[in-house]
Amino acid sequence: QVQPVESGGGLVQAGGSLTLSCSVSGGTFVGDDMVAWYRQAPGKEHEVIATITCDDGSRHYTDSMRGRFTIYRNYHENRAFLHMNGLKFEETADYYCSVRRGSVVCWGRGTQVTVSS
């Protein structure tokens, strides 16, 4: 079973940047794994940010995230990343990585991002 592990969260000032990392505990990304980043702000539904497919690197973004957020994968480090620019106070949330392998989707425990105004 795939176990994603997120890291890189923390405190950042509004307008700042942060890069989150997703790895697979005890394993590697393989084949057509799809990695997705989500977030859930306090009191709100979780929302998808972006996805990347490991085999061909194809990426998709939620329209509101396009331009400021970049999802990418580093094959050597066996990690997927989410780089975020121009963070806003209202983007304070728990950020999660999920990995879909075949018909199974596994979630990490999340990493907290706090944007100070």
N, C-alpha and C. Protein backbone atom coordinates (compact mmCIF):
# COMPACT_ATOMS: atom_id res chain seq x y z
N GLN A 1 0.84 -1.19 0.00
CA GLN A 1 0.00 0.00 0.00
C GLN A 1 0.88 1.24 0.00
N VAL A 2 0.49 2.20 -0.77
CA VAL A 2 1.24 3.44 -0.88
C VAL A 2 0.93 4.33 0.31
N GLN A 3 1.94 4.89 0.93
CA GLN A 3 1.75 5.82 2.04
C GLN A 3 2.45 7.14 1.73
N PRO A 4 1.68 8.13 1.27
CA PRO A 4 2.30 9.43 0.99
C PRO A 4 2.69 10.13 2.28
N VAL A 5 3.77 10.89 2.21
CA VAL A 5 4.23 11.67 3.35
C VAL A 5 4.52 13.07 2.87
N GLU A 6 3.85 14.04 3.48
CA GLU A 6 4.04 15.44 3.10
C GLU A 6 5.03 16.11 4.04
N SER A 7 5.69 17.13 3.51
CA SER A 7 6.56 17.95 4.34
C SER A 7 6.68 19.32 3.70
N GLY A 8 7.24 20.25 4.45
CA GLY A 8 7.49 21.58 3.90
C GLY A 8 6.55 22.66 4.34
N GLY A 9 5.53 22.30 5.11
CA GLY A 9 4.61 23.32 5.59
C GLY A 9 5.28 24.21 6.62
N GLY A 10 4.58 25.28 6.96
CA GLY A 10 5.12 26.19 7.96
C GLY A 10 4.42 27.53 7.90
N LEU A 11 5.07 28.51 8.49
CA LEU A 11 4.54 29.87 8.54
C LEU A 11 5.20 30.72 7.46
N VAL A 12 4.38 31.43 6.72
CA VAL A 12 4.89 32.29 5.66
C VAL A 12 4.07 33.58 5.66
N GLN A 13 4.70 34.67 5.32
CA GLN A 13 3.98 35.94 5.23
C GLN A 13 3.15 36.00 3.96
N ALA A 14 2.08 36.73 4.02
CA ALA A 14 1.26 36.92 2.82
C ALA A 14 2.14 37.47 1.70
N GLY A 15 1.95 36.92 0.52
CA GLY A 15 2.77 37.29 -0.62
C GLY A 15 4.02 36.44 -0.78
N GLY A 16 4.29 35.62 0.21
CA GLY A 16 5.49 34.80 0.17
C GLY A 16 5.29 33.50 -0.58
N SER A 17 6.36 32.70 -0.60
CA SER A 17 6.35 31.43 -1.34
C SER A 17 6.70 30.29 -0.41
N LEU A 18 6.27 29.12 -0.81
CA LEU A 18 6.55 27.91 -0.05
C LEU A 18 6.50 26.73 -1.01
N THR A 19 7.35 25.74 -0.75
CA THR A 19 7.34 24.52 -1.55
C THR A 19 7.06 23.33 -0.66
N LEU A 20 6.03 22.60 -0.99
CA LEU A 20 5.67 21.39 -0.26
C LEU A 20 6.20 20.18 -1.00
N SER A 21 6.50 19.12 -0.26
CA SER A 21 7.05 17.91 -0.83
C SER A 21 6.19 16.72 -0.47
N CYS A 22 6.08 15.79 -1.40
CA CYS A 22 5.34 14.54 -1.17
C CYS A 22 6.24 13.38 -1.58
N SER A 23 6.45 12.46 -0.67
CA SER A 23 7.20 11.24 -0.98
C SER A 23 6.34 10.04 -0.60
N VAL A 24 6.83 8.87 -0.97
CA VAL A 24 6.11 7.64 -0.65
C VAL A 24 6.92 6.87 0.37
N SER A 25 6.34 6.68 1.53
CA SER A 25 7.04 5.99 2.60
C SER A 25 7.32 4.55 2.21
N GLY A 26 8.58 4.14 2.26
CA GLY A 26 8.95 2.77 2.00
C GLY A 26 8.81 2.32 0.57
N GLY A 27 8.69 3.26 -0.35
CA GLY A 27 8.51 2.86 -1.74
C GLY A 27 8.85 3.97 -2.70
N THR A 28 8.41 3.81 -3.92
CA THR A 28 8.67 4.80 -4.96
C THR A 28 7.40 5.06 -5.76
N PHE A 29 7.41 6.16 -6.45
CA PHE A 29 6.35 6.39 -7.43
C PHE A 29 6.60 5.46 -8.61
N VAL A 30 5.56 4.88 -9.16
CA VAL A 30 5.72 3.95 -10.27
C VAL A 30 4.67 4.21 -11.34
N GLY A 31 5.05 3.79 -12.55
CA GLY A 31 4.13 3.75 -13.66
C GLY A 31 3.23 4.96 -13.78
N ASP A 32 1.94 4.71 -13.84
CA ASP A 32 0.99 5.79 -14.04
C ASP A 32 0.39 6.29 -12.74
N ASP A 33 1.16 6.23 -11.65
CA ASP A 33 0.71 6.85 -10.40
C ASP A 33 0.28 8.28 -10.69
N MET A 34 -0.77 8.70 -10.05
CA MET A 34 -1.17 10.10 -10.14
C MET A 34 -1.06 10.72 -8.75
N VAL A 35 -0.31 11.79 -8.67
CA VAL A 35 -0.14 12.52 -7.43
C VAL A 35 -1.01 13.76 -7.47
N ALA A 36 -1.72 13.98 -6.40
CA ALA A 36 -2.58 15.17 -6.32
C ALA A 36 -2.30 15.91 -5.03
N TRP A 37 -2.40 17.22 -5.11
CA TRP A 37 -2.34 18.07 -3.91
C TRP A 37 -3.72 18.65 -3.66
N TYR A 38 -4.12 18.59 -2.41
CA TYR A 38 -5.38 19.15 -1.97
C TYR A 38 -5.10 20.08 -0.79
N ARG A 39 -6.10 20.83 -0.41
CA ARG A 39 -6.00 21.59 0.82
C ARG A 39 -7.38 21.68 1.46
N GLN A 40 -7.35 21.86 2.76
CA GLN A 40 -8.58 22.05 3.50
C GLN A 40 -8.36 23.14 4.52
N ALA A 41 -9.04 24.25 4.32
CA ALA A 41 -8.97 25.36 5.25
C ALA A 41 -9.95 25.12 6.39
N PRO A 42 -9.72 25.74 7.53
CA PRO A 42 -10.63 25.56 8.67
C PRO A 42 -12.07 25.87 8.30
N GLY A 43 -12.94 24.94 8.57
CA GLY A 43 -14.36 25.15 8.34
C GLY A 43 -14.80 25.06 6.89
N LYS A 44 -13.89 24.64 6.01
CA LYS A 44 -14.22 24.57 4.59
C LYS A 44 -14.03 23.17 4.05
N GLU A 45 -14.61 22.93 2.89
CA GLU A 45 -14.44 21.66 2.21
C GLU A 45 -13.01 21.57 1.67
N HIS A 46 -12.56 20.33 1.48
CA HIS A 46 -11.25 20.22 0.86
C HIS A 46 -11.38 20.50 -0.63
N GLU A 47 -10.33 21.04 -1.21
CA GLU A 47 -10.35 21.37 -2.62
C GLU A 47 -9.06 20.91 -3.29
N VAL A 48 -9.20 20.44 -4.50
CA VAL A 48 -8.04 19.97 -5.24
C VAL A 48 -7.27 21.19 -5.76
N ILE A 49 -5.96 21.07 -5.73
CA ILE A 49 -5.10 22.14 -6.23
C ILE A 49 -4.55 21.78 -7.61
N ALA A 50 -3.92 20.61 -7.67
CA ALA A 50 -3.26 20.21 -8.92
C ALA A 50 -2.98 18.71 -8.87
N THR A 51 -2.81 18.14 -10.07
CA THR A 51 -2.43 16.74 -10.19
C THR A 51 -1.30 16.60 -11.20
N ILE A 52 -0.52 15.54 -11.02
CA ILE A 52 0.52 15.22 -11.99
C ILE A 52 0.56 13.71 -12.14
N THR A 53 0.69 13.26 -13.38
CA THR A 53 0.80 11.83 -13.66
C THR A 53 2.27 11.48 -13.82
N CYS A 54 2.70 10.45 -13.11
CA CYS A 54 4.13 10.18 -13.03
C CYS A 54 4.73 9.70 -14.34
N ASP A 55 3.98 8.97 -15.14
CA ASP A 55 4.62 8.40 -16.33
C ASP A 55 4.88 9.44 -17.41
N ASP A 56 3.93 10.33 -17.64
CA ASP A 56 4.15 11.30 -18.71
C ASP A 56 4.26 12.74 -18.22
N GLY A 57 4.14 12.93 -16.92
CA GLY A 57 4.30 14.27 -16.35
C GLY A 57 3.17 15.23 -16.66
N SER A 58 2.06 14.73 -17.17
CA SER A 58 0.96 15.65 -17.49
C SER A 58 0.39 16.25 -16.22
N ARG A 59 0.07 17.52 -16.28
CA ARG A 59 -0.38 18.26 -15.11
C ARG A 59 -1.73 18.90 -15.36
N HIS A 60 -2.48 19.02 -14.30
CA HIS A 60 -3.75 19.71 -14.35
C HIS A 60 -3.88 20.56 -13.09
N TYR A 61 -4.47 21.73 -13.26
CA TYR A 61 -4.65 22.66 -12.15
C TYR A 61 -6.10 23.09 -12.05
N THR A 62 -6.54 23.29 -10.83
CA THR A 62 -7.80 23.99 -10.63
C THR A 62 -7.59 25.42 -11.13
N ASP A 63 -8.58 25.94 -11.83
CA ASP A 63 -8.41 27.24 -12.51
C ASP A 63 -7.93 28.34 -11.57
N SER A 64 -8.43 28.37 -10.36
CA SER A 64 -8.08 29.45 -9.45
C SER A 64 -6.64 29.35 -8.95
N MET A 65 -6.03 28.19 -9.12
CA MET A 65 -4.66 27.99 -8.67
C MET A 65 -3.65 28.18 -9.81
N ARG A 66 -4.14 28.15 -11.01
CA ARG A 66 -3.24 28.20 -12.16
C ARG A 66 -2.46 29.50 -12.17
N GLY A 67 -1.17 29.39 -12.41
CA GLY A 67 -0.34 30.59 -12.49
C GLY A 67 0.47 30.85 -11.24
N ARG A 68 -0.11 30.62 -10.08
CA ARG A 68 0.62 30.85 -8.84
C ARG A 68 1.20 29.57 -8.26
N PHE A 69 0.56 28.43 -8.58
CA PHE A 69 0.99 27.16 -8.02
C PHE A 69 1.57 26.29 -9.14
N THR A 70 2.63 25.57 -8.84
CA THR A 70 3.25 24.68 -9.80
C THR A 70 3.46 23.31 -9.16
N ILE A 71 2.97 22.27 -9.83
CA ILE A 71 3.20 20.90 -9.38
C ILE A 71 4.26 20.29 -10.28
N TYR A 72 5.20 19.59 -9.69
CA TYR A 72 6.24 18.95 -10.49
C TYR A 72 6.81 17.77 -9.72
N ARG A 73 7.58 16.97 -10.46
CA ARG A 73 8.16 15.78 -9.84
C ARG A 73 9.65 15.77 -10.09
N ASN A 74 10.39 15.37 -9.08
CA ASN A 74 11.83 15.17 -9.20
C ASN A 74 12.07 13.67 -9.18
N TYR A 75 12.48 13.12 -10.33
CA TYR A 75 12.63 11.68 -10.45
C TYR A 75 13.79 11.16 -9.59
N HIS A 76 14.83 11.93 -9.50
CA HIS A 76 16.00 11.47 -8.73
C HIS A 76 15.69 11.40 -7.25
N GLU A 77 14.95 12.39 -6.77
CA GLU A 77 14.60 12.41 -5.35
C GLU A 77 13.35 11.60 -5.06
N ASN A 78 12.68 11.15 -6.11
CA ASN A 78 11.44 10.38 -5.92
C ASN A 78 10.44 11.15 -5.07
N ARG A 79 10.26 12.40 -5.42
CA ARG A 79 9.33 13.26 -4.72
C ARG A 79 8.50 14.04 -5.72
N ALA A 80 7.32 14.41 -5.27
CA ALA A 80 6.49 15.35 -6.02
C ALA A 80 6.38 16.61 -5.18
N PHE A 81 6.36 17.74 -5.84
CA PHE A 81 6.39 19.01 -5.15
C PHE A 81 5.22 19.90 -5.56
N LEU A 82 4.89 20.80 -4.67
CA LEU A 82 3.94 21.85 -4.97
C LEU A 82 4.59 23.16 -4.57
N HIS A 83 4.91 23.98 -5.56
CA HIS A 83 5.50 25.28 -5.29
C HIS A 83 4.39 26.32 -5.35
N MET A 84 4.33 27.13 -4.30
CA MET A 84 3.24 28.11 -4.19
C MET A 84 3.83 29.51 -4.08
N ASN A 85 3.36 30.39 -4.93
CA ASN A 85 3.77 31.79 -4.92
C ASN A 85 2.61 32.68 -4.52
N GLY A 86 2.95 33.85 -4.03
CA GLY A 86 1.91 34.83 -3.74
C GLY A 86 0.83 34.34 -2.80
N LEU A 87 1.26 33.67 -1.74
CA LEU A 87 0.27 33.09 -0.82
C LEU A 87 -0.56 34.16 -0.14
N LYS A 88 -1.82 33.83 0.06
CA LYS A 88 -2.77 34.75 0.67
C LYS A 88 -3.18 34.25 2.05
N PHE A 89 -3.58 35.17 2.88
CA PHE A 89 -3.97 34.82 4.25
C PHE A 89 -5.03 33.71 4.24
N GLU A 90 -5.98 33.83 3.30
CA GLU A 90 -7.08 32.86 3.26
C GLU A 90 -6.66 31.49 2.76
N GLU A 91 -5.39 31.36 2.36
CA GLU A 91 -4.89 30.06 1.93
C GLU A 91 -4.25 29.29 3.07
N THR A 92 -4.38 29.80 4.28
CA THR A 92 -4.01 29.03 5.46
C THR A 92 -4.86 27.77 5.48
N ALA A 93 -4.20 26.61 5.53
CA ALA A 93 -4.93 25.35 5.43
C ALA A 93 -3.99 24.20 5.73
N ASP A 94 -4.58 23.03 5.85
CA ASP A 94 -3.79 21.79 5.84
C ASP A 94 -3.71 21.34 4.38
N TYR A 95 -2.51 21.03 3.95
CA TYR A 95 -2.28 20.63 2.57
C TYR A 95 -1.94 19.14 2.54
N TYR A 96 -2.61 18.44 1.65
CA TYR A 96 -2.50 16.99 1.60
C TYR A 96 -2.01 16.52 0.22
N CYS A 97 -1.28 15.45 0.25
CA CYS A 97 -0.87 14.78 -0.97
C CYS A 97 -1.61 13.45 -1.03
N SER A 98 -2.08 13.10 -2.21
CA SER A 98 -2.66 11.77 -2.39
C SER A 98 -1.98 11.11 -3.58
N VAL A 99 -1.94 9.81 -3.55
CA VAL A 99 -1.38 9.04 -4.65
C VAL A 99 -2.42 8.02 -5.09
N ARG A 100 -2.76 8.09 -6.38
CA ARG A 100 -3.67 7.09 -6.93
C ARG A 100 -2.84 6.07 -7.71
N ARG A 101 -2.96 4.83 -7.30
CA ARG A 101 -2.28 3.73 -7.99
C ARG A 101 -3.36 2.73 -8.38
N GLY A 102 -3.60 2.64 -9.67
CA GLY A 102 -4.71 1.80 -10.11
C GLY A 102 -6.01 2.40 -9.62
N SER A 103 -6.79 1.62 -8.92
CA SER A 103 -8.08 2.08 -8.42
C SER A 103 -8.02 2.49 -6.96
N VAL A 104 -6.82 2.47 -6.40
CA VAL A 104 -6.67 2.77 -4.98
C VAL A 104 -6.06 4.16 -4.80
N VAL A 105 -6.66 4.95 -3.93
CA VAL A 105 -6.15 6.28 -3.60
C VAL A 105 -5.74 6.29 -2.14
N CYS A 106 -4.51 6.69 -1.88
CA CYS A 106 -4.02 6.78 -0.50
C CYS A 106 -3.65 8.23 -0.19
N TRP A 107 -3.88 8.61 1.04
CA TRP A 107 -3.68 9.99 1.47
C TRP A 107 -2.59 10.08 2.52
N GLY A 108 -1.86 11.18 2.47
CA GLY A 108 -0.94 11.48 3.55
C GLY A 108 -1.69 12.15 4.70
N ARG A 109 -0.95 12.46 5.74
CA ARG A 109 -1.56 13.06 6.92
C ARG A 109 -1.61 14.57 6.84
N GLY A 110 -0.97 15.12 5.85
CA GLY A 110 -1.06 16.56 5.65
C GLY A 110 0.07 17.34 6.28
N THR A 111 0.26 18.53 5.79
CA THR A 111 1.21 19.47 6.37
C THR A 111 0.53 20.83 6.45
N GLN A 112 0.74 21.50 7.55
CA GLN A 112 0.02 22.74 7.80
C GLN A 112 0.76 23.93 7.21
N VAL A 113 0.01 24.77 6.52
CA VAL A 113 0.55 26.02 6.00
C VAL A 113 -0.23 27.16 6.63
N THR A 114 0.49 28.06 7.26
CA THR A 114 -0.12 29.23 7.89
C THR A 114 0.42 30.48 7.21
N VAL A 115 -0.49 31.27 6.66
CA VAL A 115 -0.10 32.50 5.99
C VAL A 115 -0.48 33.67 6.89
N SER A 116 0.52 34.43 7.29
CA SER A 116 0.25 35.56 8.18
C SER A 116 -0.05 36.81 7.35
N SER A 117 -0.96 37.62 7.87
CA SER A 117 -1.34 38.82 7.12
C SER A 117 -0.41 39.98 7.43
